[in-house]
Amino acid sequence: MRVDWLSLIGFRSYANLEWRPDPGVNVLTGPNGAGKTNVLEAIAYLAALRSFRSSPETALIGDEAEEAVVRSGIAGAERRRLIEIEIRREGRRRAQVDKSALRRASDLLGVLRVVAFLPDDLDFVKRGAAHRRDLLDDVAVQLWPAAYLDQLELERSLRQRNAFLKAGDTDQAVLAVWDSRLAHAAGRVIARRWKVMKTLGPHLAESYADIAGDGAVADFTYTCSWADGELKRASAGEYADTVNEALESSHRRDYERRMTTVGPHRDEPGFVIDGRDARAYGSQGEQRTTALAVKLSAHRAIAEAVGEPPVLLLDDVFSELDPARSEALAEALPSEAQTIITSARPEDVPVAGRSWSAAPGTLRWGAPGTLR
């Protein structure tokens, strides 16, 4: 899977950009503020209809534009696809695939698959648990697009239950309805998180070994807020029953705090290195190696599951790594995937590829072989 061409009109710093990336490795260089990350953001937006910076959609529209248009030709293993999206300051977003309007956002999922690594992801291990929950849920959607609807239902049910609690309503029959709705969605989301960890686990161990080279073994952990100890294998229905019981038991506490205190939104995914908690005991180098390895493991698992590699986006990652880890990451990158790398310092990128020079509003083709 690759991006054949990308067209941006009024998107962030690009009034009008037409770009044809190389099917292999592309390295976008230029000073900070030149718009390199904006290109990666546009590609990631085409895959998920949301900004990987968590920006509101109106922030994607350039200062001088009334709307942003993102178009791209996608080459897959079996067919070529066309994605077209218009983002408006006023009114609803308009999205098409192969000239047919999307009935819902989930219809886009799977047309383009992307794994993105941002500078903040290097602190992924020690950041809040929400970032690690999001990773599991994002990978679930890449592997099984139907997971997106379950995640939406979980978010909707959680908002409704929290609104009921904040209103101070004590009708136990109504609260039981919200408990049931939340628990059923939670069961499906938790079942997929378990499956993601078991799917990624062997790839995580392999990726960590490739980068660290010290024989250590990395693996996932998952501490539940709705049951004792680590997450154990069960069906979605069994998870739902357990969550429902936990919700019922937490009524008093939830009323006091006016919020839902148990559920998958409060769970704690994490990592261990040789059986020790990476967040509590891992060095900064081990934590960063784990962060790199988990993204590579996601890429490898998705490629294996769908039969073709997703596009890999690396935003200014090499400049944050020491030389040894930079070289190890370069060696571990998938050779068959389209990879797009940004860097303000081309000398920090130990990867051979097509060089592109970014300046505000432009992206120019450099000569091949200019990077080692």
Protein backbone atom coordinates (compact mmCIF):
# COMPACT_ATOMS: atom_id res chain seq x y z
CA MET A 1 0.00 0.00 0.00
CA ARG A 2 1.36 3.41 -0.91
CA VAL A 3 0.45 7.00 -1.65
CA ASP A 4 0.84 7.48 -5.41
CA TRP A 5 0.17 11.21 -5.31
CA LEU A 6 -1.04 13.82 -2.84
CA SER A 7 -2.84 17.09 -3.59
CA LEU A 8 -3.35 19.77 -0.93
CA ILE A 9 -5.31 22.98 -1.38
CA GLY A 10 -5.61 25.35 1.56
CA PHE A 11 -4.32 22.71 3.97
CA ARG A 12 -2.25 24.18 6.82
CA SER A 13 0.73 25.95 5.18
CA TYR A 14 0.03 24.63 1.67
CA ALA A 15 -2.07 26.85 -0.57
CA ASN A 16 -1.52 24.44 -3.47
CA LEU A 17 0.71 21.38 -3.38
CA GLU A 18 0.97 18.52 -5.86
CA TRP A 19 3.34 15.78 -4.70
CA ARG A 20 4.30 12.35 -6.02
CA PRO A 21 6.33 10.56 -3.35
CA ASP A 22 8.67 7.73 -4.15
CA PRO A 23 7.19 4.26 -3.47
CA GLY A 24 10.15 3.55 -1.19
CA VAL A 25 11.81 5.88 1.31
CA ASN A 26 11.18 9.63 1.18
CA VAL A 27 13.06 12.07 3.42
CA LEU A 28 11.58 15.56 3.80
CA THR A 29 14.12 18.05 5.08
CA GLY A 30 13.94 21.73 5.91
CA PRO A 31 13.91 24.10 8.88
CA ASN A 32 11.33 23.96 11.64
CA GLY A 33 8.10 25.55 10.46
CA ALA A 34 8.68 24.62 6.82
CA GLY A 35 5.58 22.41 6.69
CA LYS A 36 7.14 18.93 6.77
CA THR A 37 4.85 17.61 9.49
CA ASN A 38 1.83 19.07 7.68
CA VAL A 39 2.42 16.64 4.81
CA LEU A 40 2.49 13.68 7.18
CA GLU A 41 -0.61 14.98 8.95
CA ALA A 42 -2.50 15.17 5.66
CA ILE A 43 -1.62 11.55 4.82
CA ALA A 44 -2.63 10.34 8.28
CA TYR A 45 -5.87 12.34 7.99
CA LEU A 46 -6.72 10.49 4.78
CA ALA A 47 -6.49 7.22 6.69
CA ALA A 48 -8.54 8.14 9.76
CA LEU A 49 -10.38 11.44 9.15
CA ARG A 50 -8.71 13.03 12.16
CA SER A 51 -5.52 14.91 12.92
CA PHE A 52 -2.71 12.95 14.53
CA ARG A 53 -1.98 16.15 16.46
CA SER A 54 -5.49 15.98 17.98
CA SER A 55 -6.22 19.35 16.36
CA PRO A 56 -9.78 20.44 15.55
CA GLU A 57 -10.63 20.15 11.86
CA THR A 58 -10.83 23.91 11.36
CA ALA A 59 -7.16 24.14 12.42
CA LEU A 60 -6.29 22.15 9.27
CA ILE A 61 -7.55 24.99 7.06
CA GLY A 62 -4.91 27.53 6.05
CA ASP A 63 -5.17 31.08 7.37
CA GLU A 64 -6.07 32.50 3.97
CA ALA A 65 -8.46 29.73 2.93
CA GLU A 66 -12.15 29.10 3.49
CA GLU A 67 -11.77 25.37 3.05
CA ALA A 68 -9.08 22.73 2.75
CA VAL A 69 -9.10 20.03 0.08
CA VAL A 70 -7.05 16.85 0.50
CA ARG A 71 -6.93 14.41 -2.43
CA SER A 72 -4.81 11.33 -2.96
CA GLY A 73 -4.40 8.35 -5.22
CA ILE A 74 -3.75 5.17 -3.22
CA ALA A 75 -2.15 2.10 -4.76
CA GLY A 76 -3.04 -1.16 -3.02
CA ALA A 77 -2.07 -4.73 -3.73
CA GLU A 78 -5.21 -5.34 -5.79
CA ARG A 79 -6.58 -1.97 -6.89
CA ARG A 80 -6.09 1.77 -6.98
CA ARG A 81 -8.34 4.08 -4.97
CA LEU A 82 -9.08 7.80 -4.95
CA ILE A 83 -9.77 9.65 -1.68
CA GLU A 84 -11.11 13.22 -1.75
CA ILE A 85 -11.94 15.26 1.36
CA GLU A 86 -13.17 18.84 1.72
CA ILE A 87 -12.89 20.45 5.16
CA ARG A 88 -15.02 23.58 5.59
CA ARG A 89 -15.02 26.34 8.16
CA GLU A 90 -18.79 26.33 8.04
CA GLY A 91 -20.85 23.25 7.34
CA ARG A 92 -20.07 19.58 7.27
CA ARG A 93 -16.97 17.90 5.95
CA ARG A 94 -17.40 16.19 2.56
CA ALA A 95 -15.54 12.94 1.83
CA GLN A 96 -15.53 10.68 -1.21
CA VAL A 97 -13.85 7.41 -2.13
CA ASP A 98 -13.69 6.60 -5.84
CA LYS A 99 -16.12 9.49 -6.48
CA SER A 100 -18.76 8.02 -4.16
CA ALA A 101 -19.75 9.98 -1.07
CA LEU A 102 -19.13 8.29 2.26
CA ARG A 103 -22.29 7.47 4.19
CA ARG A 104 -20.30 7.37 7.42
CA ALA A 105 -16.69 7.94 8.46
CA SER A 106 -16.09 4.24 9.11
CA ASP A 107 -16.53 3.53 5.37
CA LEU A 108 -13.13 5.13 4.78
CA LEU A 109 -11.25 2.88 7.18
CA GLY A 110 -8.95 0.40 5.49
CA VAL A 111 -8.67 2.28 2.19
CA LEU A 112 -5.34 3.66 3.41
CA ARG A 113 -3.51 2.25 6.42
CA VAL A 114 -0.87 4.32 8.15
CA VAL A 115 1.43 3.87 11.15
CA ALA A 116 2.77 7.20 12.39
CA PHE A 117 5.54 7.87 14.89
CA LEU A 118 5.75 11.39 16.35
CA PRO A 119 8.41 12.88 18.66
CA ASP A 120 6.04 12.73 21.65
CA ASP A 121 5.69 8.99 21.09
CA LEU A 122 9.24 8.49 22.36
CA ASP A 123 7.86 9.19 25.84
CA PHE A 124 4.97 6.85 25.19
CA VAL A 125 5.92 4.40 27.96
CA LYS A 126 5.97 6.96 30.78
CA ARG A 127 3.09 9.16 29.60
CA GLY A 128 -0.49 8.74 30.84
CA ALA A 129 -2.31 5.47 30.26
CA ALA A 130 -4.72 7.15 27.82
CA HIS A 131 -1.97 7.24 25.18
CA ARG A 132 -1.40 3.50 25.48
CA ARG A 133 -5.14 2.77 25.42
CA ASP A 134 -5.38 4.86 22.25
CA LEU A 135 -2.56 2.83 20.69
CA LEU A 136 -4.39 -0.46 21.26
CA ASP A 137 -7.66 0.98 19.97
CA ASP A 138 -6.02 2.55 16.91
CA VAL A 139 -4.32 -0.71 15.96
CA ALA A 140 -7.61 -2.56 16.48
CA VAL A 141 -9.25 -0.29 13.91
CA GLN A 142 -6.41 -0.88 11.44
CA LEU A 143 -6.76 -4.64 11.85
CA TRP A 144 -10.56 -4.81 12.14
CA PRO A 145 -12.29 -1.60 10.93
CA ALA A 146 -15.55 -2.61 12.65
CA ALA A 147 -13.77 -1.88 15.94
CA TYR A 148 -14.28 1.83 15.21
CA LEU A 149 -18.04 1.57 15.70
CA ASP A 150 -17.63 -0.27 18.99
CA GLN A 151 -15.26 2.42 20.21
CA LEU A 152 -17.77 5.12 19.22
CA GLU A 153 -20.50 3.28 21.12
CA LEU A 154 -18.26 3.03 24.18
CA GLU A 155 -17.53 6.77 24.10
CA ARG A 156 -21.22 7.59 23.59
CA SER A 157 -22.37 5.33 26.41
CA LEU A 158 -19.72 6.70 28.75
CA ARG A 159 -20.75 10.30 28.02
CA GLN A 160 -24.41 9.47 28.66
CA ARG A 161 -23.72 7.64 31.91
CA ASN A 162 -21.48 10.47 33.14
CA ALA A 163 -24.13 13.05 32.24
CA PHE A 164 -26.69 11.05 34.26
CA LEU A 165 -24.35 10.95 37.26
CA LYS A 166 -23.51 14.67 37.04
CA ALA A 167 -27.22 15.51 36.96
CA GLY A 168 -27.61 13.81 40.34
CA ASP A 169 -30.49 11.62 39.17
CA THR A 170 -30.92 8.65 41.54
CA ASP A 171 -33.27 6.53 39.43
CA GLN A 172 -31.62 3.10 39.73
CA ALA A 173 -33.60 1.64 36.84
CA VAL A 174 -32.25 4.29 34.46
CA LEU A 175 -28.71 3.88 35.78
CA ALA A 176 -28.99 0.12 35.19
CA VAL A 177 -29.77 0.84 31.52
CA TRP A 178 -26.62 2.96 31.20
CA ASP A 179 -24.63 0.27 33.02
CA SER A 180 -25.78 -2.34 30.51
CA ARG A 181 -25.11 -0.21 27.42
CA LEU A 182 -21.67 0.77 28.64
CA ALA A 183 -20.77 -2.78 29.66
CA HIS A 184 -21.76 -4.31 26.31
CA ALA A 185 -19.66 -1.81 24.35
CA ALA A 186 -16.83 -2.21 26.86
CA GLY A 187 -16.83 -5.98 26.41
CA ARG A 188 -16.27 -5.68 22.67
CA VAL A 189 -13.53 -3.04 23.06
CA ILE A 190 -11.69 -5.01 25.75
CA ALA A 191 -11.87 -8.23 23.71
CA ARG A 192 -10.18 -6.45 20.81
CA ARG A 193 -7.53 -4.90 23.07
CA TRP A 194 -6.68 -8.41 24.26
CA LYS A 195 -6.49 -9.62 20.68
CA VAL A 196 -4.28 -6.67 19.68
CA MET A 197 -1.81 -7.44 22.47
CA LYS A 198 -1.67 -11.12 21.53
CA THR A 199 -1.28 -10.23 17.84
CA LEU A 200 1.45 -7.66 18.46
CA GLY A 201 3.23 -9.56 21.25
CA PRO A 202 5.61 -11.70 19.14
CA HIS A 203 6.33 -8.73 16.87
CA LEU A 204 7.05 -6.52 19.90
CA ALA A 205 9.58 -9.00 21.25
CA GLU A 206 11.24 -9.26 17.84
CA SER A 207 11.26 -5.49 17.22
CA TYR A 208 12.68 -4.76 20.67
CA ALA A 209 15.45 -7.31 20.10
CA ASP A 210 16.22 -5.78 16.69
CA ILE A 211 16.70 -2.30 18.18
CA ALA A 212 18.16 -3.08 21.62
CA GLY A 213 20.36 -5.97 20.58
CA ASP A 214 20.93 -6.96 24.23
CA GLY A 215 18.81 -10.10 24.51
CA ALA A 216 16.11 -8.44 26.64
CA VAL A 217 12.47 -9.38 25.99
CA ALA A 218 9.63 -6.82 25.89
CA ASP A 219 5.95 -7.63 26.31
CA PHE A 220 2.57 -6.02 27.06
CA THR A 221 0.81 -5.76 30.40
CA TYR A 222 -2.78 -4.70 31.07
CA THR A 223 -4.19 -3.86 34.50
CA CYS A 224 -7.99 -3.68 34.69
CA SER A 225 -9.99 -1.10 36.62
CA TRP A 226 -13.02 -3.41 36.67
CA ALA A 227 -11.42 -6.67 37.83
CA ASP A 228 -8.53 -7.75 40.01
CA GLY A 229 -5.09 -7.98 38.46
CA GLU A 230 -4.04 -8.46 34.87
CA LEU A 231 -6.41 -8.87 31.96
CA LYS A 232 -7.28 -12.52 31.37
CA ARG A 233 -8.58 -14.08 28.19
CA ALA A 234 -12.37 -14.18 27.88
CA SER A 235 -15.14 -13.59 25.35
CA ALA A 236 -16.64 -10.16 24.74
CA GLY A 237 -19.78 -11.29 26.53
CA GLU A 238 -17.82 -12.47 29.57
CA TYR A 239 -15.94 -9.17 29.73
CA ALA A 240 -19.27 -7.34 29.47
CA ASP A 241 -20.74 -9.31 32.39
CA THR A 242 -17.72 -8.58 34.58
CA VAL A 243 -17.75 -4.87 33.70
CA ASN A 244 -21.48 -4.68 34.40
CA GLU A 245 -20.94 -6.19 37.86
CA ALA A 246 -18.14 -3.70 38.53
CA LEU A 247 -20.34 -0.80 37.45
CA GLU A 248 -23.11 -1.91 39.77
CA SER A 249 -20.63 -2.20 42.65
CA SER A 250 -19.28 1.28 41.97
CA HIS A 251 -22.63 3.14 42.10
CA ARG A 252 -21.95 4.77 45.48
CA ARG A 253 -18.45 5.94 44.50
CA ASP A 254 -19.61 7.06 41.05
CA TYR A 255 -22.40 9.17 42.55
CA GLU A 256 -19.93 10.77 44.97
CA ARG A 257 -17.46 11.61 42.20
CA ARG A 258 -20.13 12.30 39.54
CA MET A 259 -18.22 10.17 37.05
CA THR A 260 -17.72 6.56 35.92
CA THR A 261 -14.76 5.23 37.87
CA VAL A 262 -14.42 1.75 36.33
CA GLY A 263 -14.32 0.58 32.74
CA PRO A 264 -11.91 0.29 29.81
CA HIS A 265 -11.47 4.09 29.86
CA ARG A 266 -9.66 3.69 33.22
CA ASP A 267 -7.53 0.64 32.40
CA GLU A 268 -3.72 0.70 32.48
CA PRO A 269 -1.93 -0.91 29.53
CA GLY A 270 1.83 -1.00 29.92
CA PHE A 271 5.02 -2.85 29.09
CA VAL A 272 7.55 -5.07 30.79
CA ILE A 273 11.19 -5.64 29.88
CA ASP A 274 12.45 -9.00 31.11
CA GLY A 275 9.43 -9.11 33.39
CA ARG A 276 10.05 -5.71 35.03
CA ASP A 277 7.71 -2.74 34.67
CA ALA A 278 9.24 -0.57 31.94
CA ARG A 279 7.64 2.60 33.30
CA ALA A 280 8.86 2.15 36.87
CA TYR A 281 12.22 0.48 36.30
CA GLY A 282 13.23 1.04 32.69
CA SER A 283 15.96 3.51 31.81
CA GLN A 284 15.15 6.29 29.38
CA GLY A 285 16.95 4.31 26.68
CA GLU A 286 14.90 1.19 27.41
CA GLN A 287 11.67 3.17 27.45
CA ARG A 288 12.47 4.81 24.13
CA THR A 289 13.47 1.49 22.61
CA THR A 290 10.14 0.06 23.77
CA ALA A 291 8.27 2.97 22.18
CA LEU A 292 10.06 2.44 18.87
CA ALA A 293 9.52 -1.30 19.05
CA VAL A 294 5.79 -1.09 19.69
CA LYS A 295 5.27 1.10 16.61
CA LEU A 296 7.36 -1.25 14.48
CA SER A 297 5.43 -4.21 15.89
CA ALA A 298 2.15 -2.53 14.92
CA HIS A 299 3.44 -2.01 11.39
CA ARG A 300 4.60 -5.63 11.09
CA ALA A 301 1.38 -7.06 12.53
CA ILE A 302 -0.86 -4.97 10.26
CA ALA A 303 1.22 -5.89 7.19
CA GLU A 304 0.95 -9.57 8.09
CA ALA A 305 -2.78 -9.40 8.77
CA VAL A 306 -3.87 -7.48 5.66
CA GLY A 307 -1.26 -8.80 3.24
CA GLU A 308 0.44 -5.50 2.45
CA PRO A 309 2.45 -3.01 4.53
CA PRO A 310 0.86 0.23 5.70
CA VAL A 311 2.54 3.54 4.95
CA LEU A 312 5.08 4.38 7.67
CA LEU A 313 5.39 8.00 8.81
CA LEU A 314 8.35 9.07 10.99
CA ASP A 315 8.17 12.69 12.07
CA ASP A 316 11.55 14.06 13.21
CA VAL A 317 12.26 10.90 15.21
CA PHE A 318 15.93 10.36 14.34
CA SER A 319 17.01 13.72 15.75
CA GLU A 320 15.69 12.61 19.17
CA LEU A 321 17.72 9.39 19.25
CA ASP A 322 21.34 8.68 20.08
CA PRO A 323 23.47 7.44 17.14
CA ALA A 324 23.30 3.77 18.19
CA ARG A 325 19.49 3.71 18.35
CA SER A 326 19.24 5.72 15.13
CA GLU A 327 21.30 3.12 13.31
CA ALA A 328 19.37 0.26 14.89
CA LEU A 329 16.02 1.81 13.94
CA ALA A 330 17.24 2.39 10.38
CA GLU A 331 18.21 -1.30 10.13
CA ALA A 332 14.82 -2.38 11.50
CA LEU A 333 12.69 -0.30 9.12
CA PRO A 334 10.59 -2.43 6.75
CA SER A 335 12.26 -2.46 3.36
CA GLU A 336 9.04 -3.18 1.44
CA ALA A 337 6.98 -0.30 2.90
CA GLN A 338 6.57 3.23 1.64
CA THR A 339 8.25 5.31 4.35
CA ILE A 340 8.11 9.08 4.76
CA ILE A 341 10.59 10.65 7.17
CA THR A 342 10.93 14.28 8.21
CA SER A 343 13.99 15.94 9.69
CA ALA A 344 15.33 19.44 10.18
CA ARG A 345 18.85 17.94 10.05
CA PRO A 346 19.38 15.52 7.15
CA GLU A 347 22.67 14.41 8.68
CA ASP A 348 20.65 12.84 11.53
CA VAL A 349 18.85 10.43 9.16
CA PRO A 350 20.89 7.24 8.57
CA VAL A 351 18.58 6.05 5.79
CA ALA A 352 19.04 6.14 2.02
CA GLY A 353 16.08 7.50 0.12
CA ARG A 354 14.61 10.18 -2.12
CA SER A 355 15.32 13.62 -0.69
CA TRP A 356 12.73 16.42 -0.69
CA SER A 357 13.36 19.99 0.40
CA ALA A 358 10.52 21.68 2.28
CA ALA A 359 9.95 25.42 2.53
CA PRO A 360 6.74 27.23 3.54
CA GLY A 361 4.14 26.24 0.95
CA THR A 362 6.47 24.19 -1.25
CA LEU A 363 8.09 20.77 -1.47
CA ARG A 364 10.90 20.37 -4.00
CA TRP A 365 12.41 17.21 -5.38
CA GLY A 366 16.02 16.64 -4.43
CA ALA A 367 18.50 14.38 -6.14
CA PRO A 368 18.42 10.68 -5.23
CA GLY A 369 21.28 9.40 -3.15
CA THR A 370 21.82 12.69 -1.30
CA LEU A 371 21.17 10.84 1.97
CA ARG A 372 23.27 7.94 3.07
